[in-house]
Amino acid sequence: MEFIKRLYISRRRMLVLCTSTNSFKNFLNLQTLKVDHIYGKLLSTSAAFYCPRQLIPPPLQNVSELIDYANKQIFLSRPNEPEDTTTTPKLLSGCASLDDILNLIGDMHHSNKLWNEEFIMYMHALSQHIDSYDHDLDCKEDLLQLILNNENFQAFLQKMMVASIYLKSTDLAWLLWTIGKLEIPEQSFVVKHILISIQKRINDFFPKDVSICYAALRKYENMTPEMKAVHAALLMHLENMAKDEEFFVAVTAERNLKTFFSLARFAGRIGSPDLRRCLVQTCVASFKLRQKVNEPLNAKLAITVLHYLSYYLYHNKFLVETAMKTIQENKDTLTDVEKKHLAKATSGLRYMNDWDHQKLLKITET
């Protein structure tokens, strides 16, 4: 068997090295068929190494024909498979209680159908069910203890720890966020293992993933040394990405500005000038995205942007003028609380002339 493997590997190497027409043709027509026949026959007789026999390619004259044939095989269309009616989202939507979700996790685990890419679905389902009891804190604490003491959930966490290093960066960030929502203790082995996985995969994280991790770390009042290490690593990773401003802005700009607000809280005061400039340009690009789709700013969002510009980031003339224009158009709908926030946010702003200051005073004093 070992001899056949070596012979198969050597055949693959020779396919690449043979460039002359005659040697390539002779080798492909004679040697390839013999080796494929022997290799497929031996594999088919062993159950442990069984694989279906591959189709023999048509006679090829040169390397370019081989490349064309390979491209056709790679992009060969496959027949559409029938849609599976028992998907995980449908099963989770049918769960009416917390016990139903935990039992579903146990059933999937025992039937070996707990897939890595679906971990975040189960965690989100649990966190959403817990959020529905925010009005009753005592009941919420009891449910959190019920989840942590459940055997199915403990087996789920064990499987999640093993597979965490192979997850996508976004899923890994959301797992840390949902772990914080479920109030799993920061000293637990699960949290430490997820943090170690994030440190190992830190270079794969996009700015949005960094913002999710930062929001997750904020849920813990007393950060452990592992959390502080991840916090420092995330900031360093942001600094490295900020060196390419065009890339940073392209992957961070979005119409709802959630990523911008989170990153501004994270690195607005302690970040380098390059990083703060990238964050300002991200906000500018987000404003322009809203203008393209005719989605105007609301007064609350404009006041929040002015607040972040004043306290965290550089001042930008385009952002100040756009936000002030929005506030002027919606001045009649401002509440007293929003007027106080506006006066506080604009107290230290530049790029505001005397006429804008007079208008602002009229808005905040009425």
Protein backbone atom coordinates (compact mmCIF):
# COMPACT_ATOMS: atom_id res chain seq x y z
CA MET A 1 0.00 0.00 0.00
CA GLU A 2 2.83 2.39 0.83
CA PHE A 3 4.46 1.65 -2.52
CA ILE A 4 1.24 2.47 -4.36
CA LYS A 5 0.94 5.78 -2.48
CA ARG A 6 4.47 6.77 -3.40
CA LEU A 7 3.86 5.78 -7.00
CA TYR A 8 0.68 7.86 -7.07
CA ILE A 9 2.47 10.90 -5.67
CA SER A 10 5.32 10.52 -8.14
CA ARG A 11 2.78 10.36 -10.98
CA ARG A 12 1.27 13.65 -9.84
CA ARG A 13 4.68 15.29 -9.77
CA MET A 14 5.54 14.00 -13.24
CA LEU A 15 2.30 15.47 -14.64
CA VAL A 16 3.55 18.89 -13.66
CA LEU A 17 7.14 18.39 -14.78
CA CYS A 18 6.42 16.88 -18.19
CA THR A 19 6.21 19.72 -20.72
CA SER A 20 7.22 18.11 -24.04
CA THR A 21 4.40 16.83 -26.19
CA ASN A 22 5.68 13.29 -26.82
CA SER A 23 6.77 12.48 -23.29
CA PHE A 24 3.59 13.96 -21.88
CA LYS A 25 1.38 12.02 -24.31
CA ASN A 26 3.14 8.69 -23.78
CA PHE A 27 3.17 9.07 -20.04
CA LEU A 28 -0.48 10.11 -19.84
CA ASN A 29 -1.78 7.38 -22.14
CA LEU A 30 0.25 4.51 -20.65
CA GLN A 31 1.53 5.11 -17.16
CA THR A 32 -1.44 7.06 -15.82
CA LEU A 33 -3.98 4.41 -16.75
CA LYS A 34 -1.90 1.64 -15.19
CA VAL A 35 -1.32 3.44 -11.92
CA ASP A 36 -4.93 4.60 -11.67
CA HIS A 37 -6.14 1.08 -12.33
CA ILE A 38 -3.88 -0.48 -9.67
CA TYR A 39 -4.50 2.31 -7.16
CA GLY A 40 -8.30 2.22 -7.56
CA LYS A 41 -8.38 -1.59 -7.44
CA LEU A 42 -6.42 -1.82 -4.19
CA LEU A 43 -8.44 0.91 -2.53
CA SER A 44 -11.72 -0.68 -3.54
CA THR A 45 -10.76 -3.94 -1.84
CA SER A 46 -10.13 -2.27 1.51
CA ALA A 47 -13.13 -0.94 3.42
CA ALA A 48 -11.02 1.44 5.48
CA PHE A 49 -9.56 3.16 2.42
CA TYR A 50 -12.54 2.89 0.07
CA CYS A 51 -13.13 5.76 -2.35
CA PRO A 52 -15.21 5.82 -5.56
CA ARG A 53 -13.30 5.28 -8.79
CA GLN A 54 -12.57 8.53 -10.59
CA LEU A 55 -13.41 9.01 -14.24
CA ILE A 56 -10.41 8.69 -16.58
CA PRO A 57 -9.79 11.99 -18.38
CA PRO A 58 -9.87 12.05 -22.18
CA PRO A 59 -6.57 11.91 -24.11
CA LEU A 60 -4.76 15.23 -23.73
CA GLN A 61 -2.08 16.51 -26.08
CA ASN A 62 -0.29 19.19 -24.00
CA VAL A 63 -0.27 21.03 -20.71
CA SER A 64 -2.68 23.75 -21.85
CA GLU A 65 -5.34 21.12 -22.58
CA LEU A 66 -4.76 19.66 -19.14
CA ILE A 67 -5.29 23.10 -17.56
CA ASP A 68 -8.50 23.65 -19.56
CA TYR A 69 -9.80 20.24 -18.51
CA ALA A 70 -8.98 20.95 -14.86
CA ASN A 71 -10.81 24.30 -14.98
CA LYS A 72 -13.89 22.65 -16.46
CA GLN A 73 -13.89 20.07 -13.68
CA ILE A 74 -13.49 22.71 -10.98
CA PHE A 75 -16.35 24.88 -12.25
CA LEU A 76 -18.57 21.97 -13.21
CA SER A 77 -22.12 22.74 -12.11
CA ARG A 78 -23.65 20.31 -9.67
CA PRO A 79 -27.36 19.47 -9.49
CA ASN A 80 -29.25 21.40 -6.85
CA GLU A 81 -29.84 19.36 -3.74
CA PRO A 82 -33.35 19.30 -2.26
CA GLU A 83 -33.86 21.89 0.44
CA ASP A 84 -33.62 20.50 3.95
CA THR A 85 -36.78 21.32 5.88
CA THR A 86 -35.26 20.57 9.29
CA THR A 87 -32.70 23.37 9.52
CA THR A 88 -31.38 24.59 12.84
CA PRO A 89 -33.06 28.05 12.63
CA LYS A 90 -36.42 26.35 12.09
CA LEU A 91 -35.84 24.03 15.03
CA LEU A 92 -34.83 26.95 17.26
CA SER A 93 -37.85 28.98 16.20
CA GLY A 94 -40.05 26.13 17.37
CA CYS A 95 -38.56 26.19 20.89
CA ALA A 96 -41.06 27.87 23.23
CA SER A 97 -39.07 27.66 26.46
CA LEU A 98 -35.55 27.50 27.79
CA ASP A 99 -35.83 23.76 28.41
CA ASP A 100 -36.74 23.23 24.76
CA ILE A 101 -33.54 24.97 23.64
CA LEU A 102 -31.38 23.01 26.06
CA ASN A 103 -33.03 19.73 25.05
CA LEU A 104 -32.48 20.57 21.39
CA ILE A 105 -28.79 21.20 22.11
CA GLY A 106 -28.58 17.82 23.86
CA ASP A 107 -30.32 16.00 21.01
CA MET A 108 -28.03 17.58 18.41
CA HIS A 109 -24.96 16.75 20.48
CA HIS A 110 -25.91 13.10 20.95
CA SER A 111 -26.77 12.68 17.27
CA ASN A 112 -23.46 14.31 16.28
CA LYS A 113 -25.23 17.17 14.44
CA LEU A 114 -23.87 20.06 16.52
CA TRP A 115 -21.98 21.86 13.76
CA ASN A 116 -19.31 24.46 14.46
CA GLU A 117 -20.89 27.15 12.29
CA GLU A 118 -24.16 26.85 14.24
CA PHE A 119 -22.73 27.44 17.73
CA ILE A 120 -23.60 31.11 17.57
CA MET A 121 -27.25 30.31 16.71
CA TYR A 122 -27.76 28.37 19.92
CA MET A 123 -25.96 31.01 22.01
CA HIS A 124 -28.06 33.80 20.51
CA ALA A 125 -31.25 31.84 21.15
CA LEU A 126 -30.30 31.41 24.82
CA SER A 127 -29.32 35.07 25.26
CA GLN A 128 -32.52 36.33 23.60
CA HIS A 129 -34.61 34.14 25.91
CA ILE A 130 -32.75 35.54 28.92
CA ASP A 131 -33.23 39.13 27.72
CA SER A 132 -36.98 38.65 27.79
CA TYR A 133 -36.76 38.49 31.62
CA ASP A 134 -35.04 41.86 32.13
CA HIS A 135 -38.11 43.10 33.99
CA ASP A 136 -37.77 40.29 36.56
CA LEU A 137 -34.15 40.17 37.77
CA ASP A 138 -34.73 37.37 40.30
CA CYS A 139 -36.21 35.09 37.66
CA LYS A 140 -33.40 36.02 35.30
CA GLU A 141 -30.76 34.97 37.85
CA ASP A 142 -32.52 31.64 38.38
CA LEU A 143 -32.60 30.98 34.65
CA LEU A 144 -28.90 31.79 34.29
CA GLN A 145 -28.07 29.29 37.02
CA LEU A 146 -30.32 26.74 35.33
CA ILE A 147 -28.39 27.14 32.09
CA LEU A 148 -24.96 26.91 33.72
CA ASN A 149 -25.88 23.77 35.68
CA ASN A 150 -27.48 21.98 32.73
CA GLU A 151 -25.56 18.93 31.48
CA ASN A 152 -26.43 19.57 27.85
CA PHE A 153 -25.10 23.12 28.06
CA GLN A 154 -21.88 21.95 29.72
CA ALA A 155 -21.31 19.41 26.94
CA PHE A 156 -22.05 22.16 24.42
CA LEU A 157 -19.42 24.42 26.02
CA GLN A 158 -16.89 21.59 25.97
CA LYS A 159 -17.42 21.04 22.25
CA MET A 160 -17.30 24.78 21.64
CA MET A 161 -13.94 25.10 23.39
CA VAL A 162 -12.41 22.36 21.26
CA ALA A 163 -13.67 23.89 18.00
CA SER A 164 -13.11 27.56 18.88
CA ILE A 165 -9.72 27.74 17.18
CA TYR A 166 -11.34 26.72 13.85
CA LEU A 167 -14.24 29.17 13.91
CA LYS A 168 -14.53 32.27 11.74
CA SER A 169 -13.34 35.47 13.36
CA THR A 170 -16.84 36.96 13.40
CA ASP A 171 -18.31 33.85 15.05
CA LEU A 172 -15.52 33.86 17.62
CA ALA A 173 -16.23 37.51 18.47
CA TRP A 174 -19.96 36.89 18.79
CA LEU A 175 -19.31 33.87 21.01
CA LEU A 176 -17.40 36.07 23.44
CA TRP A 177 -20.26 38.57 23.37
CA THR A 178 -22.95 35.95 24.07
CA ILE A 179 -20.81 34.44 26.84
CA GLY A 180 -20.89 37.85 28.50
CA LYS A 181 -24.65 38.05 28.01
CA LEU A 182 -25.09 34.71 29.77
CA GLU A 183 -22.89 36.01 32.63
CA ILE A 184 -20.48 33.10 32.55
CA PRO A 185 -17.82 33.90 35.19
CA GLU A 186 -14.65 35.51 33.87
CA GLN A 187 -12.52 33.05 35.85
CA SER A 188 -14.10 30.04 34.16
CA PHE A 189 -12.07 27.83 31.87
CA VAL A 190 -14.48 28.52 29.00
CA VAL A 191 -13.85 32.26 28.99
CA LYS A 192 -10.09 31.79 29.28
CA HIS A 193 -10.06 29.32 26.38
CA ILE A 194 -12.07 31.65 24.12
CA LEU A 195 -9.74 34.53 24.96
CA ILE A 196 -6.70 32.41 24.09
CA SER A 197 -8.32 31.48 20.76
CA ILE A 198 -8.93 35.18 20.03
CA GLN A 199 -5.30 36.00 20.78
CA LYS A 200 -4.13 33.28 18.39
CA ARG A 201 -6.48 34.49 15.64
CA ILE A 202 -6.15 38.22 16.26
CA ASN A 203 -4.68 38.92 12.80
CA ASP A 204 -7.83 37.53 11.14
CA PHE A 205 -10.12 40.06 12.84
CA PHE A 206 -11.72 42.92 10.93
CA PRO A 207 -12.56 46.23 12.65
CA LYS A 208 -16.17 45.13 13.13
CA ASP A 209 -14.99 41.96 14.90
CA VAL A 210 -12.78 44.11 17.15
CA SER A 211 -15.77 46.28 18.07
CA ILE A 212 -17.80 43.19 19.02
CA CYS A 213 -14.98 41.90 21.24
CA TYR A 214 -14.66 45.30 22.91
CA ALA A 215 -18.41 45.37 23.62
CA ALA A 216 -18.11 41.89 25.14
CA LEU A 217 -15.19 42.87 27.39
CA ARG A 218 -17.12 45.89 28.66
CA LYS A 219 -19.71 43.58 30.20
CA TYR A 220 -17.18 42.46 32.82
CA GLU A 221 -16.54 44.94 35.63
CA ASN A 222 -13.22 43.45 36.73
CA MET A 223 -11.13 42.32 33.79
CA THR A 224 -8.78 39.40 34.35
CA PRO A 225 -5.15 39.48 33.12
CA GLU A 226 -6.25 37.44 30.09
CA MET A 227 -8.91 40.04 29.24
CA LYS A 228 -6.41 42.89 29.62
CA ALA A 229 -4.04 41.05 27.28
CA VAL A 230 -6.80 40.65 24.67
CA HIS A 231 -7.75 44.32 25.10
CA ALA A 232 -4.17 45.40 24.39
CA ALA A 233 -3.89 42.99 21.45
CA LEU A 234 -7.09 44.34 19.88
CA LEU A 235 -5.84 47.92 20.14
CA MET A 236 -2.49 46.97 18.59
CA HIS A 237 -4.29 45.16 15.77
CA LEU A 238 -6.41 48.25 15.09
CA GLU A 239 -3.27 50.38 14.96
CA ASN A 240 -1.77 48.04 12.36
CA MET A 241 -4.91 48.13 10.22
CA ALA A 242 -5.05 51.93 10.43
CA LYS A 243 -1.79 52.11 8.47
CA ASP A 244 -3.86 51.29 5.39
CA GLU A 245 -6.52 54.00 5.63
CA GLU A 246 -8.32 53.06 2.42
CA PHE A 247 -8.79 49.45 3.51
CA PHE A 248 -9.79 50.42 7.04
CA VAL A 249 -12.50 52.81 5.87
CA ALA A 250 -13.80 50.41 3.21
CA VAL A 251 -14.38 47.53 5.64
CA THR A 252 -15.68 49.66 8.54
CA ALA A 253 -18.10 52.16 6.99
CA GLU A 254 -21.76 51.28 7.42
CA ARG A 255 -25.01 53.23 7.46
CA ASN A 256 -26.04 52.53 11.05
CA LEU A 257 -22.65 53.74 12.46
CA LYS A 258 -22.66 51.10 15.21
CA THR A 259 -19.12 49.93 14.47
CA PHE A 260 -17.90 53.54 14.38
CA PHE A 261 -19.39 54.33 17.80
CA SER A 262 -17.95 51.19 19.37
CA LEU A 263 -14.46 51.75 17.95
CA ALA A 264 -14.55 55.43 18.95
CA ARG A 265 -15.28 54.46 22.55
CA PHE A 266 -12.53 51.87 22.40
CA ALA A 267 -9.69 53.81 20.78
CA GLY A 268 -10.87 57.43 20.57
CA ARG A 269 -8.84 58.60 23.56
CA ILE A 270 -5.92 56.16 23.60
CA GLY A 271 -5.47 55.55 19.88
CA SER A 272 -2.75 57.04 17.73
CA PRO A 273 -3.42 60.05 15.44
CA ASP A 274 -3.51 57.73 12.43
CA LEU A 275 -6.17 55.53 14.02
CA ARG A 276 -8.29 58.52 15.08
CA ARG A 277 -8.07 59.98 11.58
CA CYS A 278 -9.20 56.63 10.12
CA LEU A 279 -12.19 56.62 12.46
CA VAL A 280 -13.18 60.13 11.39
CA GLN A 281 -12.92 59.16 7.72
CA THR A 282 -15.04 56.09 8.51
CA CYS A 283 -17.77 58.36 9.83
CA VAL A 284 -17.50 60.56 6.72
CA ALA A 285 -17.85 57.48 4.47
CA SER A 286 -20.86 56.32 6.51
CA PHE A 287 -22.57 59.69 6.05
CA LYS A 288 -21.99 59.51 2.30
CA LEU A 289 -23.41 55.99 2.19
CA ARG A 290 -26.61 57.28 3.78
CA GLN A 291 -26.76 60.10 1.24
CA LYS A 292 -26.45 57.64 -1.67
CA VAL A 293 -29.50 55.68 -0.55
CA ASN A 294 -31.44 58.84 0.47
CA GLU A 295 -31.43 57.87 4.14
CA PRO A 296 -31.26 61.15 6.11
CA LEU A 297 -29.79 61.48 9.57
CA ASN A 298 -32.05 61.86 12.56
CA ALA A 299 -31.42 64.44 15.27
CA LYS A 300 -30.44 61.89 17.91
CA LEU A 301 -27.81 60.33 15.66
CA ALA A 302 -26.44 63.75 14.68
CA ILE A 303 -26.06 64.78 18.34
CA THR A 304 -24.26 61.50 19.10
CA VAL A 305 -21.82 62.09 16.23
CA LEU A 306 -21.06 65.59 17.53
CA HIS A 307 -20.49 64.16 20.99
CA TYR A 308 -17.95 61.63 19.70
CA LEU A 309 -16.19 64.25 17.61
CA SER A 310 -15.87 66.56 20.60
CA TYR A 311 -14.74 64.06 23.22
CA TYR A 312 -12.95 61.28 21.35
CA LEU A 313 -11.82 62.20 17.86
CA TYR A 314 -10.62 64.95 15.57
CA HIS A 315 -13.05 67.62 14.44
CA ASN A 316 -14.19 67.41 10.83
CA LYS A 317 -15.85 70.30 9.00
CA PHE A 318 -18.02 68.09 6.78
CA LEU A 319 -19.37 66.09 9.74
CA VAL A 320 -20.05 69.19 11.86
CA GLU A 321 -21.89 71.00 9.07
CA THR A 322 -23.95 67.93 8.12
CA ALA A 323 -24.91 67.21 11.73
CA MET A 324 -25.80 70.86 12.44
CA LYS A 325 -27.96 71.01 9.31
CA THR A 326 -29.85 67.91 10.48
CA ILE A 327 -30.34 69.38 13.95
CA GLN A 328 -31.64 72.66 12.51
CA GLU A 329 -34.19 70.82 10.39
CA ASN A 330 -35.44 68.80 13.39
CA LYS A 331 -35.08 71.38 16.16
CA ASP A 332 -38.79 71.29 16.99
CA THR A 333 -38.67 67.59 17.83
CA LEU A 334 -35.74 67.78 20.27
CA THR A 335 -36.43 66.82 23.87
CA ASP A 336 -34.96 68.61 26.88
CA VAL A 337 -32.49 65.79 27.45
CA GLU A 338 -31.32 65.94 23.82
CA LYS A 339 -30.86 69.72 24.07
CA LYS A 340 -28.61 69.26 27.11
CA HIS A 341 -26.56 66.65 25.29
CA LEU A 342 -26.30 68.98 22.30
CA ALA A 343 -25.03 71.90 24.38
CA LYS A 344 -22.47 69.67 26.06
CA ALA A 345 -21.33 68.02 22.83
CA THR A 346 -20.80 71.26 20.90
CA SER A 347 -19.04 73.20 23.67
CA GLY A 348 -15.58 72.35 22.36
CA LEU A 349 -16.21 71.91 18.64
CA ARG A 350 -14.28 73.78 15.99
CA TYR A 351 -15.47 74.53 12.45
CA MET A 352 -18.51 76.34 13.85
CA ASN A 353 -18.86 80.04 13.05
CA ASP A 354 -20.63 82.67 15.13
CA TRP A 355 -23.86 82.28 13.18
CA ASP A 356 -23.96 78.55 13.97
CA HIS A 357 -23.26 79.32 17.63
CA GLN A 358 -26.14 81.75 17.74
CA LYS A 359 -28.49 79.20 16.20
CA LEU A 360 -27.25 76.59 18.65
CA LEU A 361 -27.91 78.87 21.63
CA LYS A 362 -31.44 79.47 20.41
CA ILE A 363 -32.06 75.73 20.09
CA THR A 364 -30.64 74.81 23.52
CA GLU A 365 -32.27 77.69 25.42
CA THR A 366 -35.80 77.19 24.14
